[in-house]
Amino acid sequence: MKRSSRPVWMMPALITGSVAALGALGTLAVKSATYITLPETVAEAVQKNTEQDQVLNKLTGIQETWQQIYQQQQQAPNTSVAPPAIREWRDPDTGQWWCCEEWSGCDRDADWYQC
């Protein structure tokens, strides 16, 4: 017996159905590949989060230490300020010592006083 051929109007439907089936298989393959690698991706994300948490904990500790130092400096009077530097000079004629505070520049005679 001779096999009858399909009607012409069915051919576009068969081609469209075949392309749709191949597209569905491709989508299934991509989704399953993503699903297969999901545990590794989650493990990597957890590891990265753990590292970031450790860094944040260190930064928080540093910030707290500096905050304590700042508070201690605000509470204690500032006694560590150095006195102004003084330049001294001895007059060879009179033997008198003259002093000048360096912040004033010591350029003019008025800046000097007897020590």
PDB file of N, CA and C in Angstrom:
ATOM      1  N   MET A   1       0.795  -1.153   0.000  1.00  0.00           N
ATOM      2  CA  MET A   1       0.000   0.000   0.000  1.00  0.00           C
ATOM      3  C   MET A   1       0.860   1.248   0.000  1.00  0.00           C
ATOM      4  N   LYS A   2       0.319   2.151  -0.627  1.00  0.00           N
ATOM      5  CA  LYS A   2       1.034   3.399  -0.735  1.00  0.00           C
ATOM      6  C   LYS A   2       0.622   4.315   0.408  1.00  0.00           C
ATOM      7  N   ARG A   3       1.624   4.861   0.990  1.00  0.00           N
ATOM      8  CA  ARG A   3       1.381   5.762   2.109  1.00  0.00           C
ATOM      9  C   ARG A   3       0.933   7.109   1.579  1.00  0.00           C
ATOM     10  N   SER A   4      -0.058   7.656   2.201  1.00  0.00           N
ATOM     11  CA  SER A   4      -0.549   8.937   1.708  1.00  0.00           C
ATOM     12  C   SER A   4       0.260  10.066   2.333  1.00  0.00           C
ATOM     13  N   SER A   5       0.523  11.070   1.578  1.00  0.00           N
ATOM     14  CA  SER A   5       1.291  12.219   2.086  1.00  0.00           C
ATOM     15  C   SER A   5       0.365  13.142   2.852  1.00  0.00           C
ATOM     16  N   ARG A   6       0.965  13.883   3.701  1.00  0.00           N
ATOM     17  CA  ARG A   6       0.179  14.807   4.513  1.00  0.00           C
ATOM     18  C   ARG A   6      -0.271  15.976   3.644  1.00  0.00           C
ATOM     19  N   PRO A   7      -1.372  16.553   4.036  1.00  0.00           N
ATOM     20  CA  PRO A   7      -1.838  17.701   3.265  1.00  0.00           C
ATOM     21  C   PRO A   7      -0.861  18.873   3.421  1.00  0.00           C
ATOM     22  N   VAL A   8      -0.772  19.722   2.435  1.00  0.00           N
ATOM     23  CA  VAL A   8       0.148  20.845   2.395  1.00  0.00           C
ATOM     24  C   VAL A   8      -0.126  21.823   3.514  1.00  0.00           C
ATOM     25  N   TRP A   9      -1.317  22.003   3.914  1.00  0.00           N
ATOM     26  CA  TRP A   9      -1.649  22.973   4.935  1.00  0.00           C
ATOM     27  C   TRP A   9      -1.137  22.556   6.310  1.00  0.00           C
ATOM     28  N   MET A  10      -0.734  21.278   6.491  1.00  0.00           N
ATOM     29  CA  MET A  10      -0.204  20.818   7.773  1.00  0.00           C
ATOM     30  C   MET A  10       1.301  21.074   7.912  1.00  0.00           C
ATOM     31  N   MET A  11       1.972  21.292   6.800  1.00  0.00           N
ATOM     32  CA  MET A  11       3.430  21.450   6.838  1.00  0.00           C
ATOM     33  C   MET A  11       3.884  22.646   7.689  1.00  0.00           C
ATOM     34  N   PRO A  12       3.337  23.859   7.546  1.00  0.00           N
ATOM     35  CA  PRO A  12       3.774  24.958   8.414  1.00  0.00           C
ATOM     36  C   PRO A  12       3.530  24.664   9.897  1.00  0.00           C
ATOM     37  N   ALA A  13       2.453  23.993  10.195  1.00  0.00           N
ATOM     38  CA  ALA A  13       2.153  23.659  11.588  1.00  0.00           C
ATOM     39  C   ALA A  13       3.177  22.674  12.126  1.00  0.00           C
ATOM     40  N   LEU A  14       3.594  21.698  11.308  1.00  0.00           N
ATOM     41  CA  LEU A  14       4.600  20.734  11.746  1.00  0.00           C
ATOM     42  C   LEU A  14       5.958  21.412  11.958  1.00  0.00           C
ATOM     43  N   ILE A  15       6.322  22.311  11.067  1.00  0.00           N
ATOM     44  CA  ILE A  15       7.599  23.025  11.208  1.00  0.00           C
ATOM     45  C   ILE A  15       7.568  23.906  12.445  1.00  0.00           C
ATOM     46  N   THR A  16       6.477  24.640  12.630  1.00  0.00           N
ATOM     47  CA  THR A  16       6.349  25.509  13.799  1.00  0.00           C
ATOM     48  C   THR A  16       6.373  24.684  15.079  1.00  0.00           C
ATOM     49  N   GLY A  17       5.688  23.561  15.070  1.00  0.00           N
ATOM     50  CA  GLY A  17       5.685  22.679  16.249  1.00  0.00           C
ATOM     51  C   GLY A  17       7.068  22.135  16.546  1.00  0.00           C
ATOM     52  N   SER A  18       7.813  21.770  15.503  1.00  0.00           N
ATOM     53  CA  SER A  18       9.175  21.247  15.698  1.00  0.00           C
ATOM     54  C   SER A  18      10.093  22.327  16.278  1.00  0.00           C
ATOM     55  N   VAL A  19      10.012  23.560  15.733  1.00  0.00           N
ATOM     56  CA  VAL A  19      10.841  24.649  16.242  1.00  0.00           C
ATOM     57  C   VAL A  19      10.478  24.958  17.689  1.00  0.00           C
ATOM     58  N   ALA A  20       9.202  24.958  18.024  1.00  0.00           N
ATOM     59  CA  ALA A  20       8.760  25.221  19.395  1.00  0.00           C
ATOM     60  C   ALA A  20       9.267  24.128  20.331  1.00  0.00           C
ATOM     61  N   ALA A  21       9.227  22.875  19.886  1.00  0.00           N
ATOM     62  CA  ALA A  21       9.711  21.769  20.714  1.00  0.00           C
ATOM     63  C   ALA A  21      11.218  21.889  20.940  1.00  0.00           C
ATOM     64  N   LEU A  22      11.975  22.257  19.898  1.00  0.00           N
ATOM     65  CA  LEU A  22      13.424  22.437  20.056  1.00  0.00           C
ATOM     66  C   LEU A  22      13.730  23.615  21.000  1.00  0.00           C
ATOM     67  N   GLY A  23      12.963  24.678  20.884  1.00  0.00           N
ATOM     68  CA  GLY A  23      13.135  25.814  21.791  1.00  0.00           C
ATOM     69  C   GLY A  23      12.862  25.424  23.233  1.00  0.00           C
ATOM     70  N   ALA A  24      11.823  24.620  23.438  1.00  0.00           N
ATOM     71  CA  ALA A  24      11.498  24.167  24.793  1.00  0.00           C
ATOM     72  C   ALA A  24      12.602  23.279  25.336  1.00  0.00           C
ATOM     73  N   LEU A  25      13.161  22.409  24.495  1.00  0.00           N
ATOM     74  CA  LEU A  25      14.264  21.548  24.931  1.00  0.00           C
ATOM     75  C   LEU A  25      15.503  22.390  25.277  1.00  0.00           C
ATOM     76  N   GLY A  26      15.782  23.423  24.475  1.00  0.00           N
ATOM     77  CA  GLY A  26      16.918  24.311  24.766  1.00  0.00           C
ATOM     78  C   GLY A  26      16.729  25.045  26.077  1.00  0.00           C
ATOM     79  N   THR A  27      15.528  25.544  26.305  1.00  0.00           N
ATOM     80  CA  THR A  27      15.229  26.238  27.557  1.00  0.00           C
ATOM     81  C   THR A  27      15.373  25.289  28.738  1.00  0.00           C
ATOM     82  N   LEU A  28      14.876  24.081  28.579  1.00  0.00           N
ATOM     83  CA  LEU A  28      14.992  23.074  29.632  1.00  0.00           C
ATOM     84  C   LEU A  28      16.456  22.767  29.928  1.00  0.00           C
ATOM     85  N   ALA A  29      17.285  22.680  28.881  1.00  0.00           N
ATOM     86  CA  ALA A  29      18.704  22.396  29.077  1.00  0.00           C
ATOM     87  C   ALA A  29      19.388  23.542  29.829  1.00  0.00           C
ATOM     88  N   VAL A  30      19.092  24.787  29.459  1.00  0.00           N
ATOM     89  CA  VAL A  30      19.711  25.936  30.125  1.00  0.00           C
ATOM     90  C   VAL A  30      19.265  26.013  31.580  1.00  0.00           C
ATOM     91  N   LYS A  31      17.967  25.839  31.819  1.00  0.00           N
ATOM     92  CA  LYS A  31      17.447  25.905  33.184  1.00  0.00           C
ATOM     93  C   LYS A  31      18.019  24.789  34.045  1.00  0.00           C
ATOM     94  N   SER A  32      18.137  23.605  33.498  1.00  0.00           N
ATOM     95  CA  SER A  32      18.676  22.499  34.291  1.00  0.00           C
ATOM     96  C   SER A  32      20.168  22.705  34.551  1.00  0.00           C
ATOM     97  N   ALA A  33      20.901  23.279  33.602  1.00  0.00           N
ATOM     98  CA  ALA A  33      22.315  23.569  33.828  1.00  0.00           C
ATOM     99  C   ALA A  33      22.464  24.608  34.943  1.00  0.00           C
ATOM    100  N   THR A  34      21.604  25.613  34.962  1.00  0.00           N
ATOM    101  CA  THR A  34      21.622  26.614  36.015  1.00  0.00           C
ATOM    102  C   THR A  34      21.284  25.977  37.359  1.00  0.00           C
ATOM    103  N   TYR A  35      20.314  25.084  37.348  1.00  0.00           N
ATOM    104  CA  TYR A  35      19.904  24.412  38.576  1.00  0.00           C
ATOM    105  C   TYR A  35      21.016  23.494  39.091  1.00  0.00           C
ATOM    106  N   ILE A  36      21.741  22.875  38.183  1.00  0.00           N
ATOM    107  CA  ILE A  36      22.815  21.964  38.575  1.00  0.00           C
ATOM    108  C   ILE A  36      23.954  22.752  39.236  1.00  0.00           C
ATOM    109  N   THR A  37      24.264  23.931  38.730  1.00  0.00           N
ATOM    110  CA  THR A  37      25.357  24.729  39.300  1.00  0.00           C
ATOM    111  C   THR A  37      24.903  25.605  40.476  1.00  0.00           C
ATOM    112  N   LEU A  38      23.635  25.563  40.821  1.00  0.00           N
ATOM    113  CA  LEU A  38      23.110  26.409  41.894  1.00  0.00           C
ATOM    114  C   LEU A  38      23.792  26.163  43.241  1.00  0.00           C
ATOM    115  N   PRO A  39      24.010  24.925  43.676  1.00  0.00           N
ATOM    116  CA  PRO A  39      24.680  24.732  44.983  1.00  0.00           C
ATOM    117  C   PRO A  39      26.077  25.369  45.032  1.00  0.00           C
ATOM    118  N   GLU A  40      26.826  25.268  43.939  1.00  0.00           N
ATOM    119  CA  GLU A  40      28.157  25.883  43.911  1.00  0.00           C
ATOM    120  C   GLU A  40      28.046  27.405  44.006  1.00  0.00           C
ATOM    121  N   THR A  41      27.088  27.966  43.284  1.00  0.00           N
ATOM    122  CA  THR A  41      26.892  29.415  43.306  1.00  0.00           C
ATOM    123  C   THR A  41      26.505  29.885  44.701  1.00  0.00           C
ATOM    124  N   VAL A  42      25.634  29.145  45.347  1.00  0.00           N
ATOM    125  CA  VAL A  42      25.214  29.499  46.705  1.00  0.00           C
ATOM    126  C   VAL A  42      26.390  29.392  47.670  1.00  0.00           C
ATOM    127  N   ALA A  43      27.202  28.354  47.531  1.00  0.00           N
ATOM    128  CA  ALA A  43      28.364  28.192  48.406  1.00  0.00           C
ATOM    129  C   ALA A  43      29.349  29.342  48.223  1.00  0.00           C
ATOM    130  N   GLU A  44      29.563  29.766  46.982  1.00  0.00           N
ATOM    131  CA  GLU A  44      30.460  30.888  46.721  1.00  0.00           C
ATOM    132  C   GLU A  44      29.917  32.176  47.340  1.00  0.00           C
ATOM    133  N   ALA A  45      28.610  32.382  47.219  1.00  0.00           N
ATOM    134  CA  ALA A  45      27.992  33.584  47.784  1.00  0.00           C
ATOM    135  C   ALA A  45      28.094  33.576  49.307  1.00  0.00           C
ATOM    136  N   VAL A  46      27.889  32.429  49.920  1.00  0.00           N
ATOM    137  CA  VAL A  46      27.995  32.322  51.376  1.00  0.00           C
ATOM    138  C   VAL A  46      29.426  32.613  51.818  1.00  0.00           C
ATOM    139  N   GLN A  47      30.408  32.080  51.086  1.00  0.00           N
ATOM    140  CA  GLN A  47      31.817  32.333  51.408  1.00  0.00           C
ATOM    141  C   GLN A  47      32.140  33.822  51.302  1.00  0.00           C
ATOM    142  N   LYS A  48      31.676  34.452  50.233  1.00  0.00           N
ATOM    143  CA  LYS A  48      31.927  35.885  50.053  1.00  0.00           C
ATOM    144  C   LYS A  48      31.264  36.696  51.165  1.00  0.00           C
ATOM    145  N   ASN A  49      30.039  36.335  51.535  1.00  0.00           N
ATOM    146  CA  ASN A  49      29.347  37.031  52.620  1.00  0.00           C
ATOM    147  C   ASN A  49      30.088  36.875  53.940  1.00  0.00           C
ATOM    148  N   THR A  50      30.627  35.683  54.182  1.00  0.00           N
ATOM    149  CA  THR A  50      31.386  35.438  55.408  1.00  0.00           C
ATOM    150  C   THR A  50      32.634  36.317  55.452  1.00  0.00           C
ATOM    151  N   GLU A  51      33.344  36.405  54.323  1.00  0.00           N
ATOM    152  CA  GLU A  51      34.540  37.247  54.261  1.00  0.00           C
ATOM    153  C   GLU A  51      34.177  38.718  54.483  1.00  0.00           C
ATOM    154  N   GLN A  52      33.093  39.160  53.860  1.00  0.00           N
ATOM    155  CA  GLN A  52      32.667  40.549  54.035  1.00  0.00           C
ATOM    156  C   GLN A  52      32.247  40.816  55.474  1.00  0.00           C
ATOM    157  N   ASP A  53      31.608  39.853  56.118  1.00  0.00           N
ATOM    158  CA  ASP A  53      31.226  40.016  57.522  1.00  0.00           C
ATOM    159  C   ASP A  53      32.459  40.164  58.407  1.00  0.00           C
ATOM    160  N   GLN A  54      33.496  39.373  58.121  1.00  0.00           N
ATOM    161  CA  GLN A  54      34.730  39.469  58.903  1.00  0.00           C
ATOM    162  C   GLN A  54      35.372  40.844  58.737  1.00  0.00           C
ATOM    163  N   VAL A  55      35.408  41.342  57.502  1.00  0.00           N
ATOM    164  CA  VAL A  55      35.988  42.665  57.248  1.00  0.00           C
ATOM    165  C   VAL A  55      35.169  43.739  57.966  1.00  0.00           C
ATOM    166  N   LEU A  56      33.854  43.632  57.903  1.00  0.00           N
ATOM    167  CA  LEU A  56      33.007  44.613  58.597  1.00  0.00           C
ATOM    168  C   LEU A  56      33.216  44.566  60.106  1.00  0.00           C
ATOM    169  N   ASN A  57      33.390  43.364  60.662  1.00  0.00           N
ATOM    170  CA  ASN A  57      33.646  43.244  62.097  1.00  0.00           C
ATOM    171  C   ASN A  57      34.960  43.920  62.473  1.00  0.00           C
ATOM    172  N   LYS A  58      35.998  43.752  61.637  1.00  0.00           N
ATOM    173  CA  LYS A  58      37.274  44.409  61.902  1.00  0.00           C
ATOM    174  C   LYS A  58      37.127  45.925  61.825  1.00  0.00           C
ATOM    175  N   LEU A  59      36.423  46.397  60.801  1.00  0.00           N
ATOM    176  CA  LEU A  59      36.225  47.839  60.651  1.00  0.00           C
ATOM    177  C   LEU A  59      35.421  48.417  61.813  1.00  0.00           C
ATOM    178  N   THR A  60      34.446  47.667  62.273  1.00  0.00           N
ATOM    179  CA  THR A  60      33.654  48.116  63.416  1.00  0.00           C
ATOM    180  C   THR A  60      34.530  48.217  64.655  1.00  0.00           C
ATOM    181  N   GLY A  61      35.404  47.224  64.860  1.00  0.00           N
ATOM    182  CA  GLY A  61      36.323  47.260  65.996  1.00  0.00           C
ATOM    183  C   GLY A  61      37.265  48.448  65.923  1.00  0.00           C
ATOM    184  N   ILE A  62      37.780  48.726  64.731  1.00  0.00           N
ATOM    185  CA  ILE A  62      38.675  49.876  64.554  1.00  0.00           C
ATOM    186  C   ILE A  62      37.926  51.171  64.844  1.00  0.00           C
ATOM    187  N   GLN A  63      36.713  51.266  64.349  1.00  0.00           N
ATOM    188  CA  GLN A  63      35.915  52.481  64.570  1.00  0.00           C
ATOM    189  C   GLN A  63      35.634  52.671  66.053  1.00  0.00           C
ATOM    190  N   GLU A  64      35.329  51.596  66.780  1.00  0.00           N
ATOM    191  CA  GLU A  64      35.062  51.710  68.210  1.00  0.00           C
ATOM    192  C   GLU A  64      36.317  52.137  68.964  1.00  0.00           C
ATOM    193  N   THR A  65      37.470  51.597  68.561  1.00  0.00           N
ATOM    194  CA  THR A  65      38.731  51.980  69.204  1.00  0.00           C
ATOM    195  C   THR A  65      39.004  53.466  69.012  1.00  0.00           C
ATOM    196  N   TRP A  66      38.844  53.958  67.801  1.00  0.00           N
ATOM    197  CA  TRP A  66      39.079  55.380  67.534  1.00  0.00           C
ATOM    198  C   TRP A  66      38.058  56.252  68.256  1.00  0.00           C
ATOM    199  N   GLN A  67      36.841  55.765  68.386  1.00  0.00           N
ATOM    200  CA  GLN A  67      35.820  56.522  69.113  1.00  0.00           C
ATOM    201  C   GLN A  67      36.216  56.648  70.581  1.00  0.00           C
ATOM    202  N   GLN A  68      36.740  55.563  71.169  1.00  0.00           N
ATOM    203  CA  GLN A  68      37.190  55.619  72.564  1.00  0.00           C
ATOM    204  C   GLN A  68      38.365  56.585  72.718  1.00  0.00           C
ATOM    205  N   ILE A  69      39.309  56.541  71.775  1.00  0.00           N
ATOM    206  CA  ILE A  69      40.453  57.457  71.830  1.00  0.00           C
ATOM    207  C   ILE A  69      39.969  58.899  71.741  1.00  0.00           C
ATOM    208  N   TYR A  70      39.037  59.147  70.836  1.00  0.00           N
ATOM    209  CA  TYR A  70      38.505  60.503  70.679  1.00  0.00           C
ATOM    210  C   TYR A  70      37.826  60.976  71.965  1.00  0.00           C
ATOM    211  N   GLN A  71      37.033  60.099  72.588  1.00  0.00           N
ATOM    212  CA  GLN A  71      36.345  60.480  73.821  1.00  0.00           C
ATOM    213  C   GLN A  71      37.340  60.746  74.939  1.00  0.00           C
ATOM    214  N   GLN A  72      38.404  59.948  75.022  1.00  0.00           N
ATOM    215  CA  GLN A  72      39.418  60.174  76.053  1.00  0.00           C
ATOM    216  C   GLN A  72      40.118  61.509  75.830  1.00  0.00           C
ATOM    217  N   GLN A  73      40.374  61.848  74.578  1.00  0.00           N
ATOM    218  CA  GLN A  73      41.028  63.121  74.299  1.00  0.00           C
ATOM    219  C   GLN A  73      40.112  64.291  74.644  1.00  0.00           C
ATOM    220  N   GLN A  74      38.822  64.109  74.449  1.00  0.00           N
ATOM    221  CA  GLN A  74      37.886  65.188  74.761  1.00  0.00           C
ATOM    222  C   GLN A  74      37.755  65.382  76.263  1.00  0.00           C
ATOM    223  N   GLN A  75      37.887  64.300  77.041  1.00  0.00           N
ATOM    224  CA  GLN A  75      37.726  64.384  78.491  1.00  0.00           C
ATOM    225  C   GLN A  75      38.986  64.900  79.183  1.00  0.00           C
ATOM    226  N   ALA A  76      40.148  64.517  78.699  1.00  0.00           N
ATOM    227  CA  ALA A  76      41.409  64.900  79.346  1.00  0.00           C
ATOM    228  C   ALA A  76      41.852  66.276  78.844  1.00  0.00           C
ATOM    229  N   PRO A  77      42.380  67.079  79.741  1.00  0.00           N
ATOM    230  CA  PRO A  77      42.923  68.361  79.281  1.00  0.00           C
ATOM    231  C   PRO A  77      44.151  68.120  78.415  1.00  0.00           C
ATOM    232  N   ASN A  78      44.359  69.002  77.488  1.00  0.00           N
ATOM    233  CA  ASN A  78      45.456  68.834  76.539  1.00  0.00           C
ATOM    234  C   ASN A  78      46.734  69.411  77.151  1.00  0.00           C
ATOM    235  N   THR A  79      47.496  68.550  77.835  1.00  0.00           N
ATOM    236  CA  THR A  79      48.736  68.984  78.477  1.00  0.00           C
ATOM    237  C   THR A  79      49.954  68.639  77.632  1.00  0.00           C
ATOM    238  N   SER A  80      49.737  68.022  76.506  1.00  0.00           N
ATOM    239  CA  SER A  80      50.870  67.593  75.696  1.00  0.00           C
ATOM    240  C   SER A  80      51.306  68.646  74.682  1.00  0.00           C
ATOM    241  N   VAL A  81      50.753  69.845  74.768  1.00  0.00           N
ATOM    242  CA  VAL A  81      51.137  70.904  73.842  1.00  0.00           C
ATOM    243  C   VAL A  81      52.524  71.407  74.230  1.00  0.00           C
ATOM    244  N   ALA A  82      53.404  71.427  73.284  1.00  0.00           N
ATOM    245  CA  ALA A  82      54.774  71.866  73.544  1.00  0.00           C
ATOM    246  C   ALA A  82      54.802  73.378  73.730  1.00  0.00           C
ATOM    247  N   PRO A  83      55.677  73.844  74.618  1.00  0.00           N
ATOM    248  CA  PRO A  83      55.802  75.300  74.763  1.00  0.00           C
ATOM    249  C   PRO A  83      56.377  75.890  73.486  1.00  0.00           C
ATOM    250  N   PRO A  84      56.133  77.159  73.264  1.00  0.00           N
ATOM    251  CA  PRO A  84      56.656  77.753  72.034  1.00  0.00           C
ATOM    252  C   PRO A  84      58.182  77.725  72.023  1.00  0.00           C
ATOM    253  N   ALA A  85      58.725  77.522  70.854  1.00  0.00           N
ATOM    254  CA  ALA A  85      60.183  77.498  70.729  1.00  0.00           C
ATOM    255  C   ALA A  85      60.736  78.902  70.951  1.00  0.00           C
ATOM    256  N   ILE A  86      61.836  78.964  71.694  1.00  0.00           N
ATOM    257  CA  ILE A  86      62.431  80.260  72.020  1.00  0.00           C
ATOM    258  C   ILE A  86      63.839  80.288  71.441  1.00  0.00           C
ATOM    259  N   ARG A  87      64.119  81.368  70.782  1.00  0.00           N
ATOM    260  CA  ARG A  87      65.460  81.587  70.244  1.00  0.00           C
ATOM    261  C   ARG A  87      66.199  82.509  71.216  1.00  0.00           C
ATOM    262  N   GLU A  88      67.430  82.146  71.531  1.00  0.00           N
ATOM    263  CA  GLU A  88      68.220  82.943  72.464  1.00  0.00           C
ATOM    264  C   GLU A  88      69.449  83.496  71.755  1.00  0.00           C
ATOM    265  N   TRP A  89      69.852  84.660  72.230  1.00  0.00           N
ATOM    266  CA  TRP A  89      71.047  85.293  71.651  1.00  0.00           C
ATOM    267  C   TRP A  89      71.746  86.083  72.750  1.00  0.00           C
ATOM    268  N   ARG A  90      73.038  85.984  72.783  1.00  0.00           N
ATOM    269  CA  ARG A  90      73.808  86.712  73.808  1.00  0.00           C
ATOM    270  C   ARG A  90      74.558  87.846  73.134  1.00  0.00           C
ATOM    271  N   ASP A  91      74.337  89.014  73.677  1.00  0.00           N
ATOM    272  CA  ASP A  91      75.015  90.210  73.163  1.00  0.00           C
ATOM    273  C   ASP A  91      76.484  90.142  73.582  1.00  0.00           C
ATOM    274  N   PRO A  92      77.399  90.104  72.614  1.00  0.00           N
ATOM    275  CA  PRO A  92      78.815  89.974  72.986  1.00  0.00           C
ATOM    276  C   PRO A  92      79.359  91.210  73.713  1.00  0.00           C
ATOM    277  N   ASP A  93      78.758  92.371  73.506  1.00  0.00           N
ATOM    278  CA  ASP A  93      79.258  93.587  74.155  1.00  0.00           C
ATOM    279  C   ASP A  93      78.860  93.662  75.620  1.00  0.00           C
ATOM    280  N   THR A  94      77.589  93.362  75.911  1.00  0.00           N
ATOM    281  CA  THR A  94      77.085  93.513  77.284  1.00  0.00           C
ATOM    282  C   THR A  94      77.014  92.180  78.026  1.00  0.00           C
ATOM    283  N   GLY A  95      77.011  91.074  77.300  1.00  0.00           N
ATOM    284  CA  GLY A  95      76.864  89.767  77.946  1.00  0.00           C
ATOM    285  C   GLY A  95      75.416  89.458  78.297  1.00  0.00           C
ATOM    286  N   GLN A  96      74.492  90.320  77.906  1.00  0.00           N
ATOM    287  CA  GLN A  96      73.065  90.153  78.201  1.00  0.00           C
ATOM    288  C   GLN A  96      72.451  89.125  77.243  1.00  0.00           C
ATOM    289  N   TRP A  97      71.579  88.290  77.801  1.00  0.00           N
ATOM    290  CA  TRP A  97      70.851  87.304  76.974  1.00  0.00           C
ATOM    291  C   TRP A  97      69.538  87.911  76.503  1.00  0.00           C
ATOM    292  N   TRP A  98      69.242  87.697  75.230  1.00  0.00           N
ATOM    293  CA  TRP A  98      67.988  88.152  74.627  1.00  0.00           C
ATOM    294  C   TRP A  98      67.237  86.939  74.104  1.00  0.00           C
ATOM    295  N   CYS A  99      65.926  86.970  74.261  1.00  0.00           N
ATOM    296  CA  CYS A  99      65.084  85.848  73.832  1.00  0.00           C
ATOM    297  C   CYS A  99      64.013  86.341  72.865  1.00  0.00           C
ATOM    298  N   CYS A 100      63.578  85.423  72.031  1.00  0.00           N
ATOM    299  CA  CYS A 100      62.504  85.724  71.080  1.00  0.00           C
ATOM    300  C   CYS A 100      61.727  84.434  70.840  1.00  0.00           C
ATOM    301  N   GLU A 101      60.392  84.541  70.881  1.00  0.00           N
ATOM    302  CA  GLU A 101      59.564  83.376  70.572  1.00  0.00           C
ATOM    303  C   GLU A 101      59.467  83.251  69.066  1.00  0.00           C
ATOM    304  N   GLU A 102      59.771  82.077  68.558  1.00  0.00           N
ATOM    305  CA  GLU A 102      59.936  81.901  67.113  1.00  0.00           C
ATOM    306  C   GLU A 102      58.657  82.134  66.319  1.00  0.00           C
ATOM    307  N   TRP A 103      57.516  82.008  66.949  1.00  0.00           N
ATOM    308  CA  TRP A 103      56.277  82.238  66.201  1.00  0.00           C
ATOM    309  C   TRP A 103      56.160  83.693  65.764  1.00  0.00           C
ATOM    310  N   SER A 104      56.875  84.589  66.476  1.00  0.00           N
ATOM    311  CA  SER A 104      56.792  86.009  66.115  1.00  0.00           C
ATOM    312  C   SER A 104      57.696  86.352  64.943  1.00  0.00           C
ATOM    313  N   GLY A 105      58.610  85.468  64.593  1.00  0.00           N
ATOM    314  CA  GLY A 105      59.467  85.701  63.449  1.00  0.00           C
ATOM    315  C   GLY A 105      60.872  86.128  63.825  1.00  0.00           C
ATOM    316  N   CYS A 106      61.027  86.881  64.927  1.00  0.00           N
ATOM    317  CA  CYS A 106      62.333  87.328  65.418  1.00  0.00           C
ATOM    318  C   CYS A 106      63.084  88.167  64.388  1.00  0.00           C
ATOM    319  N   ASP A 107      62.346  88.833  63.503  1.00  0.00           N
ATOM    320  CA  ASP A 107      62.980  89.636  62.460  1.00  0.00           C
ATOM    321  C   ASP A 107      63.219  91.078  62.918  1.00  0.00           C
ATOM    322  N   ARG A 108      62.391  91.579  63.835  1.00  0.00           N
ATOM    323  CA  ARG A 108      62.490  92.963  64.272  1.00  0.00           C
ATOM    324  C   ARG A 108      63.110  93.006  65.672  1.00  0.00           C
ATOM    325  N   ASP A 109      63.677  94.118  65.988  1.00  0.00           N
ATOM    326  CA  ASP A 109      64.250  94.288  67.333  1.00  0.00           C
ATOM    327  C   ASP A 109      63.169  94.230  68.400  1.00  0.00           C
ATOM    328  N   ALA A 110      61.947  94.656  68.055  1.00  0.00           N
ATOM    329  CA  ALA A 110      60.852  94.667  69.023  1.00  0.00           C
ATOM    330  C   ALA A 110      60.417  93.254  69.412  1.00  0.00           C
ATOM    331  N   ASP A 111      60.766  92.267  68.600  1.00  0.00           N
ATOM    332  CA  ASP A 111      60.385  90.895  68.908  1.00  0.00           C
ATOM    333  C   ASP A 111      61.265  90.303  70.011  1.00  0.00           C
ATOM    334  N   TRP A 112      62.392  90.899  70.289  1.00  0.00           N
ATOM    335  CA  TRP A 112      63.362  90.377  71.270  1.00  0.00           C
ATOM    336  C   TRP A 112      63.116  91.016  72.639  1.00  0.00           C
ATOM    337  N   TYR A 113      63.301  90.246  73.690  1.00  0.00           N
ATOM    338  CA  TYR A 113      63.182  90.759  75.056  1.00  0.00           C
ATOM    339  C   TYR A 113      64.315  90.145  75.893  1.00  0.00           C
ATOM    340  N   GLN A 114      64.610  90.799  77.023  1.00  0.00           N
ATOM    341  CA  GLN A 114      65.677  90.284  77.888  1.00  0.00           C
ATOM    342  C   GLN A 114      65.189  89.056  78.624  1.00  0.00           C
ATOM    343  N   CYS A 115      66.005  88.027  78.592  1.00  0.00           N
ATOM    344  CA  CYS A 115      65.642  86.763  79.262  1.00  0.00           C
ATOM    345  C   CYS A 115      65.867  86.881  80.751  1.00  0.00           C
TER     346      CYS A 115
END
